[in-house]
Amino acid sequence: MAHHGKTRLTYVIVSPPELVAEGDRIFRSHAEWMESTHHRDGEKALLTYDVSKSPELSNPFDPGSEPTGNTCFILNEIYESDAGVSDHFQQATDSWSDFPALGEWLGKCKVSGAPVAKIFNSLW
C-alpha cells in the first residue's frame, strides 16, 4: 500500500554493545504498548510500525564493510496525519511506563531522525 501524503516518524539509534540488551528490552515494551494504545483508524491512525536492527558498518554504503561493534536500531512508524504523531508523544508521556527508560537509554546512544516527515514518494 502506498503512503503518499502520510506522516513518517523515523529514528536511527546507534547503541554501543553493552546497551543492546536494554534496547531490545525497551523495544519489546514499546511494541506491546503501541499495540494496546494506538488508533487503528481516523486521522490519528498508526498505519505501520517496524523496528529493525543491524550491525553498524564502517561504511554504510558498502554492505560488505567491517562492522564497528555497535548496533543500529531503526524505528519506523507511519501515521495517517501529523495528528497521529502528536497523539503518540502525548500517550508516551502519559501512559508508557518505559518512557523514562527510553530517554535514559537514548542519552547513552547516538540518535538521529525525524519525528514528523511527510512522505512524498511511495510505491505499492
PDB file of N, CA and C in Angstrom:
ATOM      1  N   MET A   1       0.842  -1.183   0.000  1.00  0.00           N
ATOM      2  CA  MET A   1       0.000   0.000   0.000  1.00  0.00           C
ATOM      3  C   MET A   1       0.885   1.243   0.000  1.00  0.00           C
ATOM      4  N   ALA A   2       0.651   2.147  -0.910  1.00  0.00           N
ATOM      5  CA  ALA A   2       1.409   3.399  -0.965  1.00  0.00           C
ATOM      6  C   ALA A   2       0.985   4.318   0.182  1.00  0.00           C
ATOM      7  N   HIS A   3       1.925   5.132   0.638  1.00  0.00           N
ATOM      8  CA  HIS A   3       1.673   6.025   1.778  1.00  0.00           C
ATOM      9  C   HIS A   3       1.909   7.496   1.426  1.00  0.00           C
ATOM     10  N   HIS A   4       1.747   7.842   0.157  1.00  0.00           N
ATOM     11  CA  HIS A   4       1.947   9.230  -0.268  1.00  0.00           C
ATOM     12  C   HIS A   4       1.083  10.173   0.566  1.00  0.00           C
ATOM     13  N   GLY A   5       1.709  11.236   1.098  1.00  0.00           N
ATOM     14  CA  GLY A   5       0.987  12.235   1.881  1.00  0.00           C
ATOM     15  C   GLY A   5       0.830  11.897   3.354  1.00  0.00           C
ATOM     16  N   LYS A   6       1.188  10.697   3.748  1.00  0.00           N
ATOM     17  CA  LYS A   6       1.093  10.306   5.164  1.00  0.00           C
ATOM     18  C   LYS A   6       2.308  10.848   5.920  1.00  0.00           C
ATOM     19  N   THR A   7       2.355  10.633   7.209  1.00  0.00           N
ATOM     20  CA  THR A   7       3.422  11.163   8.060  1.00  0.00           C
ATOM     21  C   THR A   7       4.263  10.033   8.637  1.00  0.00           C
ATOM     22  N   ARG A   8       5.572  10.139   8.447  1.00  0.00           N
ATOM     23  CA  ARG A   8       6.504   9.129   8.950  1.00  0.00           C
ATOM     24  C   ARG A   8       7.297   9.688  10.128  1.00  0.00           C
ATOM     25  N   LEU A   9       7.469   8.836  11.130  1.00  0.00           N
ATOM     26  CA  LEU A   9       8.373   9.078  12.252  1.00  0.00           C
ATOM     27  C   LEU A   9       9.484   8.044  12.108  1.00  0.00           C
ATOM     28  N   THR A  10      10.727   8.485  12.029  1.00  0.00           N
ATOM     29  CA  THR A  10      11.857   7.565  11.885  1.00  0.00           C
ATOM     30  C   THR A  10      13.005   8.007  12.773  1.00  0.00           C
ATOM     31  N   TYR A  11      13.569   7.045  13.485  1.00  0.00           N
ATOM     32  CA  TYR A  11      14.774   7.284  14.269  1.00  0.00           C
ATOM     33  C   TYR A  11      15.761   6.154  14.018  1.00  0.00           C
ATOM     34  N   VAL A  12      17.027   6.506  13.938  1.00  0.00           N
ATOM     35  CA  VAL A  12      18.110   5.537  13.911  1.00  0.00           C
ATOM     36  C   VAL A  12      18.901   5.755  15.191  1.00  0.00           C
ATOM     37  N   ILE A  13      18.993   4.693  15.976  1.00  0.00           N
ATOM     38  CA  ILE A  13      19.689   4.742  17.258  1.00  0.00           C
ATOM     39  C   ILE A  13      20.885   3.810  17.166  1.00  0.00           C
ATOM     40  N   VAL A  14      22.078   4.351  17.367  1.00  0.00           N
ATOM     41  CA  VAL A  14      23.291   3.548  17.330  1.00  0.00           C
ATOM     42  C   VAL A  14      23.708   3.288  18.775  1.00  0.00           C
ATOM     43  N   SER A  15      23.640   2.019  19.130  1.00  0.00           N
ATOM     44  CA  SER A  15      23.889   1.601  20.508  1.00  0.00           C
ATOM     45  C   SER A  15      25.252   0.937  20.640  1.00  0.00           C
ATOM     46  N   PRO A  16      25.997   1.293  21.686  1.00  0.00           N
ATOM     47  CA  PRO A  16      27.222   0.535  21.968  1.00  0.00           C
ATOM     48  C   PRO A  16      26.844  -0.879  22.418  1.00  0.00           C
ATOM     49  N   PRO A  17      27.769  -1.815  22.276  1.00  0.00           N
ATOM     50  CA  PRO A  17      27.455  -3.220  22.566  1.00  0.00           C
ATOM     51  C   PRO A  17      26.849  -3.466  23.953  1.00  0.00           C
ATOM     52  N   GLU A  18      27.326  -2.773  24.956  1.00  0.00           N
ATOM     53  CA  GLU A  18      26.852  -3.019  26.321  1.00  0.00           C
ATOM     54  C   GLU A  18      25.430  -2.527  26.576  1.00  0.00           C
ATOM     55  N   LEU A  19      24.837  -1.790  25.617  1.00  0.00           N
ATOM     56  CA  LEU A  19      23.477  -1.276  25.790  1.00  0.00           C
ATOM     57  C   LEU A  19      22.460  -1.919  24.851  1.00  0.00           C
ATOM     58  N   VAL A  20      22.897  -2.895  24.052  1.00  0.00           N
ATOM     59  CA  VAL A  20      21.988  -3.540  23.094  1.00  0.00           C
ATOM     60  C   VAL A  20      20.867  -4.285  23.812  1.00  0.00           C
ATOM     61  N   ALA A  21      21.170  -5.003  24.871  1.00  0.00           N
ATOM     62  CA  ALA A  21      20.137  -5.741  25.601  1.00  0.00           C
ATOM     63  C   ALA A  21      19.070  -4.794  26.138  1.00  0.00           C
ATOM     64  N   GLU A  22      19.473  -3.626  26.595  1.00  0.00           N
ATOM     65  CA  GLU A  22      18.489  -2.641  27.070  1.00  0.00           C
ATOM     66  C   GLU A  22      17.645  -2.133  25.917  1.00  0.00           C
ATOM     67  N   GLY A  23      18.236  -1.920  24.757  1.00  0.00           N
ATOM     68  CA  GLY A  23      17.461  -1.524  23.580  1.00  0.00           C
ATOM     69  C   GLY A  23      16.449  -2.591  23.203  1.00  0.00           C
ATOM     70  N   ASP A  24      16.869  -3.850  23.221  1.00  0.00           N
ATOM     71  CA  ASP A  24      15.936  -4.947  22.933  1.00  0.00           C
ATOM     72  C   ASP A  24      14.770  -4.938  23.915  1.00  0.00           C
ATOM     73  N   ARG A  25      15.077  -4.751  25.192  1.00  0.00           N
ATOM     74  CA  ARG A  25      14.033  -4.740  26.221  1.00  0.00           C
ATOM     75  C   ARG A  25      13.072  -3.580  26.020  1.00  0.00           C
ATOM     76  N   ILE A  26      13.620  -2.401  25.771  1.00  0.00           N
ATOM     77  CA  ILE A  26      12.788  -1.217  25.572  1.00  0.00           C
ATOM     78  C   ILE A  26      11.872  -1.391  24.368  1.00  0.00           C
ATOM     79  N   PHE A  27      12.395  -1.904  23.269  1.00  0.00           N
ATOM     80  CA  PHE A  27      11.548  -2.049  22.081  1.00  0.00           C
ATOM     81  C   PHE A  27      10.525  -3.173  22.218  1.00  0.00           C
ATOM     82  N   ARG A  28      10.781  -4.201  23.035  1.00  0.00           N
ATOM     83  CA  ARG A  28       9.730  -5.192  23.335  1.00  0.00           C
ATOM     84  C   ARG A  28       8.592  -4.500  24.088  1.00  0.00           C
ATOM     85  N   SER A  29       8.940  -3.696  25.069  1.00  0.00           N
ATOM     86  CA  SER A  29       7.952  -2.947  25.835  1.00  0.00           C
ATOM     87  C   SER A  29       7.211  -1.961  24.937  1.00  0.00           C
ATOM     88  N   HIS A  30       7.951  -1.296  24.067  1.00  0.00           N
ATOM     89  CA  HIS A  30       7.370  -0.305  23.162  1.00  0.00           C
ATOM     90  C   HIS A  30       6.327  -0.937  22.248  1.00  0.00           C
ATOM     91  N   ALA A  31       6.655  -2.083  21.660  1.00  0.00           N
ATOM     92  CA  ALA A  31       5.717  -2.748  20.756  1.00  0.00           C
ATOM     93  C   ALA A  31       4.422  -3.127  21.470  1.00  0.00           C
ATOM     94  N   GLU A  32       4.548  -3.673  22.670  1.00  0.00           N
ATOM     95  CA  GLU A  32       3.355  -4.038  23.444  1.00  0.00           C
ATOM     96  C   GLU A  32       2.505  -2.810  23.743  1.00  0.00           C
ATOM     97  N   TRP A  33       3.162  -1.735  24.154  1.00  0.00           N
ATOM     98  CA  TRP A  33       2.445  -0.503  24.477  1.00  0.00           C
ATOM     99  C   TRP A  33       1.786   0.077  23.226  1.00  0.00           C
ATOM    100  N   MET A  34       2.509   0.111  22.113  1.00  0.00           N
ATOM    101  CA  MET A  34       1.955   0.638  20.858  1.00  0.00           C
ATOM    102  C   MET A  34       0.699  -0.134  20.455  1.00  0.00           C
ATOM    103  N   GLU A  35       0.791  -1.459  20.498  1.00  0.00           N
ATOM    104  CA  GLU A  35      -0.338  -2.291  20.079  1.00  0.00           C
ATOM    105  C   GLU A  35      -1.579  -2.061  20.945  1.00  0.00           C
ATOM    106  N   SER A  36      -1.367  -1.809  22.220  1.00  0.00           N
ATOM    107  CA  SER A  36      -2.508  -1.662  23.130  1.00  0.00           C
ATOM    108  C   SER A  36      -3.081  -0.254  23.192  1.00  0.00           C
ATOM    109  N   THR A  37      -2.383   0.739  22.648  1.00  0.00           N
ATOM    110  CA  THR A  37      -2.841   2.125  22.842  1.00  0.00           C
ATOM    111  C   THR A  37      -3.129   2.912  21.567  1.00  0.00           C
ATOM    112  N   HIS A  38      -2.579   2.527  20.443  1.00  0.00           N
ATOM    113  CA  HIS A  38      -2.648   3.415  19.284  1.00  0.00           C
ATOM    114  C   HIS A  38      -3.883   3.190  18.417  1.00  0.00           C
ATOM    115  N   HIS A  39      -4.319   4.298  17.830  1.00  0.00           N
ATOM    116  CA  HIS A  39      -5.502   4.291  16.972  1.00  0.00           C
ATOM    117  C   HIS A  39      -5.239   3.458  15.719  1.00  0.00           C
ATOM    118  N   ARG A  40      -6.280   2.799  15.247  1.00  0.00           N
ATOM    119  CA  ARG A  40      -6.164   1.981  14.035  1.00  0.00           C
ATOM    120  C   ARG A  40      -6.887   2.608  12.847  1.00  0.00           C
ATOM    121  N   ASP A  41      -7.686   3.642  13.119  1.00  0.00           N
ATOM    122  CA  ASP A  41      -8.356   4.348  12.024  1.00  0.00           C
ATOM    123  C   ASP A  41      -8.526   5.809  12.396  1.00  0.00           C
ATOM    124  N   GLY A  42      -8.911   6.612  11.402  1.00  0.00           N
ATOM    125  CA  GLY A  42      -9.076   8.047  11.614  1.00  0.00           C
ATOM    126  C   GLY A  42      -7.773   8.808  11.426  1.00  0.00           C
ATOM    127  N   GLU A  43      -7.802  10.102  11.711  1.00  0.00           N
ATOM    128  CA  GLU A  43      -6.650  10.956  11.448  1.00  0.00           C
ATOM    129  C   GLU A  43      -5.442  10.643  12.325  1.00  0.00           C
ATOM    130  N   LYS A  44      -5.643   9.944  13.440  1.00  0.00           N
ATOM    131  CA  LYS A  44      -4.539   9.581  14.334  1.00  0.00           C
ATOM    132  C   LYS A  44      -4.059   8.143  14.121  1.00  0.00           C
ATOM    133  N   ALA A  45      -4.549   7.496  13.080  1.00  0.00           N
ATOM    134  CA  ALA A  45      -4.259   6.074  12.874  1.00  0.00           C
ATOM    135  C   ALA A  45      -2.773   5.796  12.663  1.00  0.00           C
ATOM    136  N   LEU A  46      -2.295   4.756  13.327  1.00  0.00           N
ATOM    137  CA  LEU A  46      -0.978   4.195  13.088  1.00  0.00           C
ATOM    138  C   LEU A  46      -1.137   3.193  11.957  1.00  0.00           C
ATOM    139  N   LEU A  47      -0.494   3.464  10.815  1.00  0.00           N
ATOM    140  CA  LEU A  47      -0.643   2.616   9.635  1.00  0.00           C
ATOM    141  C   LEU A  47       0.395   1.500   9.584  1.00  0.00           C
ATOM    142  N   THR A  48       1.625   1.813   9.962  1.00  0.00           N
ATOM    143  CA  THR A  48       2.667   0.784  10.022  1.00  0.00           C
ATOM    144  C   THR A  48       3.582   1.069  11.205  1.00  0.00           C
ATOM    145  N   TYR A  49       4.142   0.001  11.726  1.00  0.00           N
ATOM    146  CA  TYR A  49       5.093   0.087  12.836  1.00  0.00           C
ATOM    147  C   TYR A  49       6.147  -0.985  12.616  1.00  0.00           C
ATOM    148  N   ASP A  50       7.406  -0.576  12.547  1.00  0.00           N
ATOM    149  CA  ASP A  50       8.503  -1.516  12.374  1.00  0.00           C
ATOM    150  C   ASP A  50       9.699  -1.069  13.191  1.00  0.00           C
ATOM    151  N   VAL A  51      10.367  -2.026  13.797  1.00  0.00           N
ATOM    152  CA  VAL A  51      11.666  -1.797  14.416  1.00  0.00           C
ATOM    153  C   VAL A  51      12.592  -2.851  13.824  1.00  0.00           C
ATOM    154  N   SER A  52      13.717  -2.401  13.301  1.00  0.00           N
ATOM    155  CA  SER A  52      14.706  -3.336  12.777  1.00  0.00           C
ATOM    156  C   SER A  52      16.038  -3.077  13.456  1.00  0.00           C
ATOM    157  N   LYS A  53      16.942  -4.028  13.280  1.00  0.00           N
ATOM    158  CA  LYS A  53      18.223  -3.957  13.981  1.00  0.00           C
ATOM    159  C   LYS A  53      19.286  -4.557  13.078  1.00  0.00           C
ATOM    160  N   SER A  54      20.454  -3.909  13.042  1.00  0.00           N
ATOM    161  CA  SER A  54      21.566  -4.440  12.249  1.00  0.00           C
ATOM    162  C   SER A  54      22.879  -3.933  12.822  1.00  0.00           C
ATOM    163  N   PRO A  55      23.968  -4.605  12.483  1.00  0.00           N
ATOM    164  CA  PRO A  55      25.270  -4.084  12.891  1.00  0.00           C
ATOM    165  C   PRO A  55      25.534  -2.747  12.203  1.00  0.00           C
ATOM    166  N   GLU A  56      26.147  -1.822  12.925  1.00  0.00           N
ATOM    167  CA  GLU A  56      26.617  -0.587  12.294  1.00  0.00           C
ATOM    168  C   GLU A  56      27.853  -0.948  11.479  1.00  0.00           C
ATOM    169  N   LEU A  57      27.896  -0.473  10.241  1.00  0.00           N
ATOM    170  CA  LEU A  57      29.026  -0.775   9.368  1.00  0.00           C
ATOM    171  C   LEU A  57      29.974   0.408   9.292  1.00  0.00           C
ATOM    172  N   SER A  58      31.251   0.115   9.082  1.00  0.00           N
ATOM    173  CA  SER A  58      32.249   1.175   8.958  1.00  0.00           C
ATOM    174  C   SER A  58      31.986   2.044   7.733  1.00  0.00           C
ATOM    175  N   ASN A  59      31.379   1.486   6.696  1.00  0.00           N
ATOM    176  CA  ASN A  59      30.952   2.239   5.516  1.00  0.00           C
ATOM    177  C   ASN A  59      29.500   1.871   5.248  1.00  0.00           C
ATOM    178  N   PRO A  60      28.561   2.744   5.609  1.00  0.00           N
ATOM    179  CA  PRO A  60      27.151   2.400   5.477  1.00  0.00           C
ATOM    180  C   PRO A  60      26.693   2.200   4.028  1.00  0.00           C
ATOM    181  N   PHE A  61      27.521   2.558   3.057  1.00  0.00           N
ATOM    182  CA  PHE A  61      27.166   2.357   1.649  1.00  0.00           C
ATOM    183  C   PHE A  61      27.772   1.083   1.082  1.00  0.00           C
ATOM    184  N   ASP A  62      28.459   0.317   1.921  1.00  0.00           N
ATOM    185  CA  ASP A  62      29.079  -0.932   1.499  1.00  0.00           C
ATOM    186  C   ASP A  62      28.652  -2.039   2.450  1.00  0.00           C
ATOM    187  N   PRO A  63      27.676  -2.870   2.038  1.00  0.00           N
ATOM    188  CA  PRO A  63      27.196  -3.924   2.931  1.00  0.00           C
ATOM    189  C   PRO A  63      28.269  -4.919   3.338  1.00  0.00           C
ATOM    190  N   GLY A  64      29.388  -4.956   2.622  1.00  0.00           N
ATOM    191  CA  GLY A  64      30.472  -5.865   2.967  1.00  0.00           C
ATOM    192  C   GLY A  64      31.537  -5.253   3.852  1.00  0.00           C
ATOM    193  N   SER A  65      31.349  -3.997   4.249  1.00  0.00           N
ATOM    194  CA  SER A  65      32.363  -3.337   5.081  1.00  0.00           C
ATOM    195  C   SER A  65      32.348  -3.905   6.502  1.00  0.00           C
ATOM    196  N   GLU A  66      33.410  -3.643   7.212  1.00  0.00           N
ATOM    197  CA  GLU A  66      33.584  -4.166   8.568  1.00  0.00           C
ATOM    198  C   GLU A  66      32.578  -3.537   9.533  1.00  0.00           C
ATOM    199  N   PRO A  67      32.009  -4.353  10.421  1.00  0.00           N
ATOM    200  CA  PRO A  67      31.156  -3.789  11.467  1.00  0.00           C
ATOM    201  C   PRO A  67      31.986  -3.024  12.493  1.00  0.00           C
ATOM    202  N   THR A  68      31.379  -2.021  13.079  1.00  0.00           N
ATOM    203  CA  THR A  68      32.067  -1.208  14.084  1.00  0.00           C
ATOM    204  C   THR A  68      32.002  -1.821  15.470  1.00  0.00           C
ATOM    205  N   GLY A  69      31.066  -2.743  15.673  1.00  0.00           N
ATOM    206  CA  GLY A  69      30.815  -3.302  17.004  1.00  0.00           C
ATOM    207  C   GLY A  69      29.551  -2.743  17.623  1.00  0.00           C
ATOM    208  N   ASN A  70      29.061  -1.618  17.082  1.00  0.00           N
ATOM    209  CA  ASN A  70      27.813  -1.035  17.552  1.00  0.00           C
ATOM    210  C   ASN A  70      26.635  -1.666  16.815  1.00  0.00           C
ATOM    211  N   THR A  71      25.439  -1.420  17.321  1.00  0.00           N
ATOM    212  CA  THR A  71      24.211  -1.935  16.713  1.00  0.00           C
ATOM    213  C   THR A  71      23.284  -0.774  16.399  1.00  0.00           C
ATOM    214  N   CYS A  72      22.695  -0.796  15.198  1.00  0.00           N
ATOM    215  CA  CYS A  72      21.706   0.199  14.784  1.00  0.00           C
ATOM    216  C   CYS A  72      20.303  -0.355  15.029  1.00  0.00           C
ATOM    217  N   PHE A  73      19.516   0.401  15.752  1.00  0.00           N
ATOM    218  CA  PHE A  73      18.085   0.140  15.880  1.00  0.00           C
ATOM    219  C   PHE A  73      17.398   1.159  14.983  1.00  0.00           C
ATOM    220  N   ILE A  74      16.493   0.716  14.116  1.00  0.00           N
ATOM    221  CA  ILE A  74      15.797   1.621  13.210  1.00  0.00           C
ATOM    222  C   ILE A  74      14.305   1.521  13.505  1.00  0.00           C
ATOM    223  N   LEU A  75      13.736   2.629  13.942  1.00  0.00           N
ATOM    224  CA  LEU A  75      12.311   2.712  14.265  1.00  0.00           C
ATOM    225  C   LEU A  75      11.605   3.467  13.149  1.00  0.00           C
ATOM    226  N   ASN A  76      10.564   2.858  12.567  1.00  0.00           N
ATOM    227  CA  ASN A  76       9.741   3.495  11.543  1.00  0.00           C
ATOM    228  C   ASN A  76       8.274   3.352  11.923  1.00  0.00           C
ATOM    229  N   GLU A  77       7.591   4.469  11.964  1.00  0.00           N
ATOM    230  CA  GLU A  77       6.153   4.474  12.196  1.00  0.00           C
ATOM    231  C   GLU A  77       5.530   5.363  11.135  1.00  0.00           C
ATOM    232  N   ILE A  78       4.413   4.948  10.553  1.00  0.00           N
ATOM    233  CA  ILE A  78       3.695   5.779   9.596  1.00  0.00           C
ATOM    234  C   ILE A  78       2.300   6.013  10.145  1.00  0.00           C
ATOM    235  N   TYR A  79       1.919   7.282  10.143  1.00  0.00           N
ATOM    236  CA  TYR A  79       0.614   7.712  10.645  1.00  0.00           C
ATOM    237  C   TYR A  79      -0.209   8.320   9.518  1.00  0.00           C
ATOM    238  N   GLU A  80      -1.499   8.296   9.696  1.00  0.00           N
ATOM    239  CA  GLU A  80      -2.409   8.908   8.728  1.00  0.00           C
ATOM    240  C   GLU A  80      -2.110  10.395   8.560  1.00  0.00           C
ATOM    241  N   SER A  81      -1.764  11.061   9.670  1.00  0.00           N
ATOM    242  CA  SER A  81      -1.505  12.502   9.624  1.00  0.00           C
ATOM    243  C   SER A  81      -0.578  12.901  10.780  1.00  0.00           C
ATOM    244  N   ASP A  82      -0.201  14.164  10.808  1.00  0.00           N
ATOM    245  CA  ASP A  82       0.623  14.691  11.898  1.00  0.00           C
ATOM    246  C   ASP A  82      -0.064  14.513  13.250  1.00  0.00           C
ATOM    247  N   ALA A  83      -1.396  14.495  13.249  1.00  0.00           N
ATOM    248  CA  ALA A  83      -2.143  14.335  14.498  1.00  0.00           C
ATOM    249  C   ALA A  83      -1.795  13.016  15.192  1.00  0.00           C
ATOM    250  N   GLY A  84      -1.492  11.996  14.405  1.00  0.00           N
ATOM    251  CA  GLY A  84      -1.111  10.710  14.984  1.00  0.00           C
ATOM    252  C   GLY A  84       0.205  10.787  15.733  1.00  0.00           C
ATOM    253  N   VAL A  85       1.156  11.547  15.191  1.00  0.00           N
ATOM    254  CA  VAL A  85       2.451  11.704  15.866  1.00  0.00           C
ATOM    255  C   VAL A  85       2.271  12.494  17.160  1.00  0.00           C
ATOM    256  N   SER A  86       1.495  13.559  17.103  1.00  0.00           N
ATOM    257  CA  SER A  86       1.223  14.344  18.318  1.00  0.00           C
ATOM    258  C   SER A  86       0.581  13.467  19.385  1.00  0.00           C
ATOM    259  N   ASP A  87      -0.386  12.664  18.971  1.00  0.00           N
ATOM    260  CA  ASP A  87      -1.060  11.756  19.895  1.00  0.00           C
ATOM    261  C   ASP A  87      -0.074  10.732  20.460  1.00  0.00           C
ATOM    262  N   HIS A  88       0.811  10.231  19.610  1.00  0.00           N
ATOM    263  CA  HIS A  88       1.812   9.251  20.025  1.00  0.00           C
ATOM    264  C   HIS A  88       2.677   9.804  21.165  1.00  0.00           C
ATOM    265  N   PHE A  89       3.210  11.011  20.990  1.00  0.00           N
ATOM    266  CA  PHE A  89       4.075  11.583  22.021  1.00  0.00           C
ATOM    267  C   PHE A  89       3.302  11.911  23.295  1.00  0.00           C
ATOM    268  N   GLN A  90       2.055  12.347  23.156  1.00  0.00           N
ATOM    269  CA  GLN A  90       1.244  12.619  24.342  1.00  0.00           C
ATOM    270  C   GLN A  90       0.973  11.329  25.107  1.00  0.00           C
ATOM    271  N   GLN A  91       0.601  10.279  24.384  1.00  0.00           N
ATOM    272  CA  GLN A  91       0.350   8.998  25.041  1.00  0.00           C
ATOM    273  C   GLN A  91       1.613   8.451  25.708  1.00  0.00           C
ATOM    274  N   ALA A  92       2.769   8.636  25.037  1.00  0.00           N
ATOM    275  CA  ALA A  92       4.024   8.130  25.614  1.00  0.00           C
ATOM    276  C   ALA A  92       4.293   8.758  26.971  1.00  0.00           C
ATOM    277  N   THR A  93       4.138  10.078  27.060  1.00  0.00           N
ATOM    278  CA  THR A  93       4.394  10.745  28.337  1.00  0.00           C
ATOM    279  C   THR A  93       3.330  10.392  29.377  1.00  0.00           C
ATOM    280  N   ASP A  94       2.111  10.119  28.924  1.00  0.00           N
ATOM    281  CA  ASP A  94       1.020   9.832  29.852  1.00  0.00           C
ATOM    282  C   ASP A  94       0.943   8.378  30.315  1.00  0.00           C
ATOM    283  N   SER A  95       1.330   7.424  29.431  1.00  0.00           N
ATOM    284  CA  SER A  95       0.975   6.042  29.771  1.00  0.00           C
ATOM    285  C   SER A  95       2.041   4.971  29.529  1.00  0.00           C
ATOM    286  N   TRP A  96       3.151   5.294  28.881  1.00  0.00           N
ATOM    287  CA  TRP A  96       4.148   4.240  28.659  1.00  0.00           C
ATOM    288  C   TRP A  96       5.122   4.229  29.826  1.00  0.00           C
ATOM    289  N   SER A  97       5.099   3.182  30.606  1.00  0.00           N
ATOM    290  CA  SER A  97       5.922   3.117  31.819  1.00  0.00           C
ATOM    291  C   SER A  97       7.420   3.139  31.528  1.00  0.00           C
ATOM    292  N   ASP A  98       7.832   2.715  30.329  1.00  0.00           N
ATOM    293  CA  ASP A  98       9.254   2.716  29.981  1.00  0.00           C
ATOM    294  C   ASP A  98       9.709   3.987  29.261  1.00  0.00           C
ATOM    295  N   PHE A  99       8.856   4.992  29.174  1.00  0.00           N
ATOM    296  CA  PHE A  99       9.263   6.231  28.504  1.00  0.00           C
ATOM    297  C   PHE A  99      10.484   6.864  29.178  1.00  0.00           C
ATOM    298  N   PRO A 100      10.551   6.934  30.510  1.00  0.00           N
ATOM    299  CA  PRO A 100      11.766   7.465  31.140  1.00  0.00           C
ATOM    300  C   PRO A 100      13.007   6.616  30.830  1.00  0.00           C
ATOM    301  N   ALA A 101      12.844   5.296  30.801  1.00  0.00           N
ATOM    302  CA  ALA A 101      13.975   4.415  30.479  1.00  0.00           C
ATOM    303  C   ALA A 101      14.442   4.641  29.049  1.00  0.00           C
ATOM    304  N   LEU A 102      13.510   4.887  28.133  1.00  0.00           N
ATOM    305  CA  LEU A 102      13.877   5.201  26.747  1.00  0.00           C
ATOM    306  C   LEU A 102      14.754   6.443  26.710  1.00  0.00           C
ATOM    307  N   GLY A 103      14.344   7.491  27.396  1.00  0.00           N
ATOM    308  CA  GLY A 103      15.119   8.733  27.418  1.00  0.00           C
ATOM    309  C   GLY A 103      16.514   8.520  27.980  1.00  0.00           C
ATOM    310  N   GLU A 104      16.608   7.725  29.031  1.00  0.00           N
ATOM    311  CA  GLU A 104      17.914   7.450  29.627  1.00  0.00           C
ATOM    312  C   GLU A 104      18.802   6.673  28.652  1.00  0.00           C
ATOM    313  N   TRP A 105      18.239   5.660  28.001  1.00  0.00           N
ATOM    314  CA  TRP A 105      18.980   4.853  27.037  1.00  0.00           C
ATOM    315  C   TRP A 105      19.426   5.686  25.843  1.00  0.00           C
ATOM    316  N   LEU A 106      18.510   6.505  25.309  1.00  0.00           N
ATOM    317  CA  LEU A 106      18.850   7.352  24.158  1.00  0.00           C
ATOM    318  C   LEU A 106      19.988   8.308  24.496  1.00  0.00           C
ATOM    319  N   GLY A 107      20.038   8.760  25.745  1.00  0.00           N
ATOM    320  CA  GLY A 107      21.100   9.665  26.166  1.00  0.00           C
ATOM    321  C   GLY A 107      22.483   9.029  26.136  1.00  0.00           C
ATOM    322  N   LYS A 108      22.539   7.712  26.074  1.00  0.00           N
ATOM    323  CA  LYS A 108      23.813   6.988  26.043  1.00  0.00           C
ATOM    324  C   LYS A 108      24.144   6.478  24.642  1.00  0.00           C
ATOM    325  N   CYS A 109      23.249   6.737  23.682  1.00  0.00           N
ATOM    326  CA  CYS A 109      23.415   6.268  22.307  1.00  0.00           C
ATOM    327  C   CYS A 109      23.554   7.469  21.372  1.00  0.00           C
ATOM    328  N   LYS A 110      23.867   7.197  20.122  1.00  0.00           N
ATOM    329  CA  LYS A 110      23.862   8.233  19.085  1.00  0.00           C
ATOM    330  C   LYS A 110      22.516   8.125  18.371  1.00  0.00           C
ATOM    331  N   VAL A 111      21.792   9.235  18.282  1.00  0.00           N
ATOM    332  CA  VAL A 111      20.436   9.216  17.741  1.00  0.00           C
ATOM    333  C   VAL A 111      20.299  10.253  16.635  1.00  0.00           C
ATOM    334  N   SER A 112      19.662   9.845  15.544  1.00  0.00           N
ATOM    335  CA  SER A 112      19.268  10.808  14.517  1.00  0.00           C
ATOM    336  C   SER A 112      17.895  10.410  14.019  1.00  0.00           C
ATOM    337  N   GLY A 113      17.186  11.370  13.491  1.00  0.00           N
ATOM    338  CA  GLY A 113      15.866  11.036  12.982  1.00  0.00           C
ATOM    339  C   GLY A 113      15.004  12.240  12.727  1.00  0.00           C
ATOM    340  N   ALA A 114      13.772  11.941  12.390  1.00  0.00           N
ATOM    341  CA  ALA A 114      12.779  12.970  12.107  1.00  0.00           C
ATOM    342  C   ALA A 114      11.436  12.498  12.652  1.00  0.00           C
ATOM    343  N   PRO A 115      10.838  13.242  13.590  1.00  0.00           N
ATOM    344  CA  PRO A 115       9.575  12.801  14.161  1.00  0.00           C
ATOM    345  C   PRO A 115       8.368  13.034  13.255  1.00  0.00           C
ATOM    346  N   VAL A 116       8.436  14.033  12.357  1.00  0.00           N
ATOM    347  CA  VAL A 116       7.294  14.352  11.509  1.00  0.00           C
ATOM    348  C   VAL A 116       7.800  14.636  10.103  1.00  0.00           C
ATOM    349  N   ALA A 117       7.795  13.609   9.241  1.00  0.00           N
ATOM    350  CA  ALA A 117       8.274  13.764   7.869  1.00  0.00           C
ATOM    351  C   ALA A 117       7.164  13.364   6.911  1.00  0.00           C
ATOM    352  N   LYS A 118       6.777  14.271   6.033  1.00  0.00           N
ATOM    353  CA  LYS A 118       5.744  13.971   5.041  1.00  0.00           C
ATOM    354  C   LYS A 118       6.327  13.072   3.951  1.00  0.00           C
ATOM    355  N   ILE A 119       5.608  12.025   3.635  1.00  0.00           N
ATOM    356  CA  ILE A 119       6.041  11.088   2.593  1.00  0.00           C
ATOM    357  C   ILE A 119       5.633  11.663   1.247  1.00  0.00           C
ATOM    358  N   PHE A 120       6.623  11.862   0.355  1.00  0.00           N
ATOM    359  CA  PHE A 120       6.324  12.430  -0.962  1.00  0.00           C
ATOM    360  C   PHE A 120       6.521  11.442  -2.098  1.00  0.00           C
ATOM    361  N   ASN A 121       7.212  10.342  -1.851  1.00  0.00           N
ATOM    362  CA  ASN A 121       7.301   9.232  -2.819  1.00  0.00           C
ATOM    363  C   ASN A 121       6.934   7.960  -2.083  1.00  0.00           C
ATOM    364  N   SER A 122       6.084   7.165  -2.680  1.00  0.00           N
ATOM    365  CA  SER A 122       5.692   5.917  -2.055  1.00  0.00           C
ATOM    366  C   SER A 122       5.165   4.970  -3.138  1.00  0.00           C
ATOM    367  N   LEU A 123       5.636   3.750  -3.122  1.00  0.00           N
ATOM    368  CA  LEU A 123       5.183   2.745  -4.083  1.00  0.00           C
ATOM    369  C   LEU A 123       4.488   1.599  -3.358  1.00  0.00           C
ATOM    370  N   TRP A 124       3.608   0.997  -4.013  1.00  0.00           N
ATOM    371  CA  TRP A 124       2.883  -0.190  -3.558  1.00  0.00           C
ATOM    372  C   TRP A 124       2.360  -0.008  -2.183  1.00  0.00           C
TER     373      TRP A 124
END
